[in-house]
Amino acid sequence: MRNLNKPPRYNVASIQAQQTLGGDVMQSDGEGQYVEFRDYAWLLTEKQRLDNNCDYLDQKLDEEIEKSAMLCGQVERLTKAGDEMALNLTHIGWNICVEAWNAAKEGKQSK
């Protein structure tokens, strides 16, 4: 089986080789500009598969970005509501709850 991850490449042989062998002659060349048609067909199929994967991943990325934006909005609204609640608790003397809320907003453990 041929390794199509790196298909054999070819270049047109020198003019002397073409005259000696008659007609267009291809010679193996690792950096050549040409591949066999069967390899080219496989490469086109593989390119299409990879393009489809990219399209799918782009779609999933867009969905995750939307979800992230929604979650950021929720966190912001909940933080504002928590701040408002903490302010109201301060007025009735529940300062320990306010301290715990402020610690939680900073990612710290409450006492």
C-alpha atoms as a PDB file:
ATOM      1  CA  MET A   1       0.000   0.000   0.000  1.00  0.00           C
ATOM      2  CA  ARG A   2       1.256   3.441  -0.869  1.00  0.00           C
ATOM      3  CA  ASN A   3       1.813   6.060   1.811  1.00  0.00           C
ATOM      4  CA  LEU A   4      -0.563   8.811   0.709  1.00  0.00           C
ATOM      5  CA  ASN A   5       0.353  11.064   3.589  1.00  0.00           C
ATOM      6  CA  LYS A   6       3.288  11.888   1.350  1.00  0.00           C
ATOM      7  CA  PRO A   7       2.425  10.676  -2.165  1.00  0.00           C
ATOM      8  CA  PRO A   8       5.240  10.178  -4.688  1.00  0.00           C
ATOM      9  CA  ARG A   9       5.954  13.355  -6.622  1.00  0.00           C
ATOM     10  CA  TYR A  10       7.329  13.745 -10.126  1.00  0.00           C
ATOM     11  CA  ASN A  11       8.839  16.309 -12.455  1.00  0.00           C
ATOM     12  CA  VAL A  12       9.237  16.258 -16.219  1.00  0.00           C
ATOM     13  CA  ALA A  13      12.491  14.548 -17.143  1.00  0.00           C
ATOM     14  CA  SER A  14      15.259  16.447 -18.839  1.00  0.00           C
ATOM     15  CA  ILE A  15      15.050  17.120 -22.566  1.00  0.00           C
ATOM     16  CA  GLN A  16      17.856  14.627 -23.169  1.00  0.00           C
ATOM     17  CA  ALA A  17      15.969  11.875 -21.302  1.00  0.00           C
ATOM     18  CA  GLN A  18      12.807  12.664 -23.264  1.00  0.00           C
ATOM     19  CA  GLN A  19      14.674  12.459 -26.562  1.00  0.00           C
ATOM     20  CA  THR A  20      16.366   9.214 -25.551  1.00  0.00           C
ATOM     21  CA  LEU A  21      13.202   7.538 -24.241  1.00  0.00           C
ATOM     22  CA  GLY A  22      10.780   9.265 -26.612  1.00  0.00           C
ATOM     23  CA  GLY A  23       7.890  11.490 -25.529  1.00  0.00           C
ATOM     24  CA  ASP A  24       7.060  13.048 -22.210  1.00  0.00           C
ATOM     25  CA  VAL A  25       8.907  11.266 -19.451  1.00  0.00           C
ATOM     26  CA  MET A  26       8.357  11.839 -15.759  1.00  0.00           C
ATOM     27  CA  GLN A  27      11.038  11.232 -13.175  1.00  0.00           C
ATOM     28  CA  SER A  28      10.626  10.762  -9.459  1.00  0.00           C
ATOM     29  CA  ASP A  29      11.398  13.929  -7.487  1.00  0.00           C
ATOM     30  CA  GLY A  30      10.565  14.427  -3.801  1.00  0.00           C
ATOM     31  CA  GLU A  31       9.902  18.119  -4.447  1.00  0.00           C
ATOM     32  CA  GLY A  32       8.228  17.619  -7.823  1.00  0.00           C
ATOM     33  CA  GLN A  33       5.166  19.533  -8.975  1.00  0.00           C
ATOM     34  CA  TYR A  34       3.184  16.507 -10.142  1.00  0.00           C
ATOM     35  CA  VAL A  35       1.462  13.506  -8.531  1.00  0.00           C
ATOM     36  CA  GLU A  36      -0.296  10.590 -10.175  1.00  0.00           C
ATOM     37  CA  PHE A  37      -3.997  11.073 -10.863  1.00  0.00           C
ATOM     38  CA  ARG A  38      -5.045   8.341  -8.420  1.00  0.00           C
ATOM     39  CA  ASP A  39      -3.046  10.100  -5.690  1.00  0.00           C
ATOM     40  CA  TYR A  40      -4.476  13.462  -6.717  1.00  0.00           C
ATOM     41  CA  ALA A  41      -8.022  12.088  -6.505  1.00  0.00           C
ATOM     42  CA  TRP A  42      -7.303  10.779  -3.010  1.00  0.00           C
ATOM     43  CA  LEU A  43      -5.789  14.110  -2.001  1.00  0.00           C
ATOM     44  CA  LEU A  44      -8.903  15.946  -3.224  1.00  0.00           C
ATOM     45  CA  THR A  45     -11.120  13.601  -1.219  1.00  0.00           C
ATOM     46  CA  GLU A  46      -8.944  14.079   1.851  1.00  0.00           C
ATOM     47  CA  LYS A  47      -9.023  17.870   1.389  1.00  0.00           C
ATOM     48  CA  GLN A  48     -12.835  17.782   1.213  1.00  0.00           C
ATOM     49  CA  ARG A  49     -12.971  15.684   4.399  1.00  0.00           C
ATOM     50  CA  LEU A  50     -10.690  18.122   6.204  1.00  0.00           C
ATOM     51  CA  ASP A  51     -12.694  21.112   4.944  1.00  0.00           C
ATOM     52  CA  ASN A  52     -15.865  19.482   6.282  1.00  0.00           C
ATOM     53  CA  ASN A  53     -14.162  18.914   9.635  1.00  0.00           C
ATOM     54  CA  CYS A  54     -13.093  22.572   9.719  1.00  0.00           C
ATOM     55  CA  ASP A  55     -16.646  23.699   8.946  1.00  0.00           C
ATOM     56  CA  TYR A  56     -17.996  21.474  11.725  1.00  0.00           C
ATOM     57  CA  LEU A  57     -15.390  22.737  14.212  1.00  0.00           C
ATOM     58  CA  ASP A  58     -16.076  26.364  13.244  1.00  0.00           C
ATOM     59  CA  GLN A  59     -19.774  25.782  13.908  1.00  0.00           C
ATOM     60  CA  LYS A  60     -19.037  24.194  17.295  1.00  0.00           C
ATOM     61  CA  LEU A  61     -16.679  27.055  18.177  1.00  0.00           C
ATOM     62  CA  ASP A  62     -19.397  29.605  17.357  1.00  0.00           C
ATOM     63  CA  GLU A  63     -21.832  27.692  19.587  1.00  0.00           C
ATOM     64  CA  GLU A  64     -19.324  27.653  22.453  1.00  0.00           C
ATOM     65  CA  ILE A  65     -18.616  31.381  22.042  1.00  0.00           C
ATOM     66  CA  GLU A  66     -22.365  32.103  22.219  1.00  0.00           C
ATOM     67  CA  LYS A  67     -22.693  29.887  25.293  1.00  0.00           C
ATOM     68  CA  SER A  68     -19.729  31.622  26.932  1.00  0.00           C
ATOM     69  CA  ALA A  69     -21.214  35.052  26.243  1.00  0.00           C
ATOM     70  CA  MET A  70     -24.534  33.927  27.734  1.00  0.00           C
ATOM     71  CA  LEU A  71     -22.808  32.558  30.842  1.00  0.00           C
ATOM     72  CA  CYS A  72     -20.766  35.760  31.260  1.00  0.00           C
ATOM     73  CA  GLY A  73     -24.003  37.743  31.136  1.00  0.00           C
ATOM     74  CA  GLN A  74     -25.586  35.483  33.747  1.00  0.00           C
ATOM     75  CA  VAL A  75     -22.576  35.806  36.048  1.00  0.00           C
ATOM     76  CA  GLU A  76     -22.657  39.583  35.686  1.00  0.00           C
ATOM     77  CA  ARG A  77     -26.382  39.768  36.482  1.00  0.00           C
ATOM     78  CA  LEU A  78     -26.050  37.388  39.443  1.00  0.00           C
ATOM     79  CA  THR A  79     -23.089  39.343  40.788  1.00  0.00           C
ATOM     80  CA  LYS A  80     -25.061  42.588  40.614  1.00  0.00           C
ATOM     81  CA  ALA A  81     -28.003  40.908  42.363  1.00  0.00           C
ATOM     82  CA  GLY A  82     -25.650  39.546  45.038  1.00  0.00           C
ATOM     83  CA  ASP A  83     -24.136  42.987  45.555  1.00  0.00           C
ATOM     84  CA  GLU A  84     -27.613  44.460  45.953  1.00  0.00           C
ATOM     85  CA  MET A  85     -28.555  41.709  48.414  1.00  0.00           C
ATOM     86  CA  ALA A  86     -25.337  42.278  50.383  1.00  0.00           C
ATOM     87  CA  LEU A  87     -26.097  45.992  50.576  1.00  0.00           C
ATOM     88  CA  ASN A  88     -29.559  45.226  51.957  1.00  0.00           C
ATOM     89  CA  LEU A  89     -28.094  42.762  54.503  1.00  0.00           C
ATOM     90  CA  THR A  90     -25.682  45.450  55.694  1.00  0.00           C
ATOM     91  CA  HIS A  91     -28.648  47.656  56.592  1.00  0.00           C
ATOM     92  CA  ILE A  92     -30.049  44.986  58.900  1.00  0.00           C
ATOM     93  CA  GLY A  93     -26.711  44.130  60.533  1.00  0.00           C
ATOM     94  CA  TRP A  94     -25.829  40.828  58.821  1.00  0.00           C
ATOM     95  CA  ASN A  95     -22.268  41.853  58.073  1.00  0.00           C
ATOM     96  CA  ILE A  96     -20.937  38.285  58.257  1.00  0.00           C
ATOM     97  CA  CYS A  97     -23.027  37.388  55.212  1.00  0.00           C
ATOM     98  CA  VAL A  98     -21.656  40.408  53.368  1.00  0.00           C
ATOM     99  CA  GLU A  99     -18.099  39.389  54.228  1.00  0.00           C
ATOM    100  CA  ALA A 100     -18.781  35.856  52.962  1.00  0.00           C
ATOM    101  CA  TRP A 101     -20.287  37.267  49.754  1.00  0.00           C
ATOM    102  CA  ASN A 102     -17.292  39.535  49.111  1.00  0.00           C
ATOM    103  CA  ALA A 103     -14.901  36.640  49.778  1.00  0.00           C
ATOM    104  CA  ALA A 104     -16.856  34.407  47.369  1.00  0.00           C
ATOM    105  CA  LYS A 105     -16.688  37.061  44.630  1.00  0.00           C
ATOM    106  CA  GLU A 106     -12.903  37.056  44.968  1.00  0.00           C
ATOM    107  CA  GLY A 107     -12.797  33.265  44.855  1.00  0.00           C
ATOM    108  CA  LYS A 108     -11.854  32.925  48.510  1.00  0.00           C
ATOM    109  CA  GLN A 109     -13.296  30.618  51.129  1.00  0.00           C
ATOM    110  CA  SER A 110     -15.555  32.256  53.682  1.00  0.00           C
ATOM    111  CA  LYS A 111     -14.571  32.009  57.347  1.00  0.00           C
END
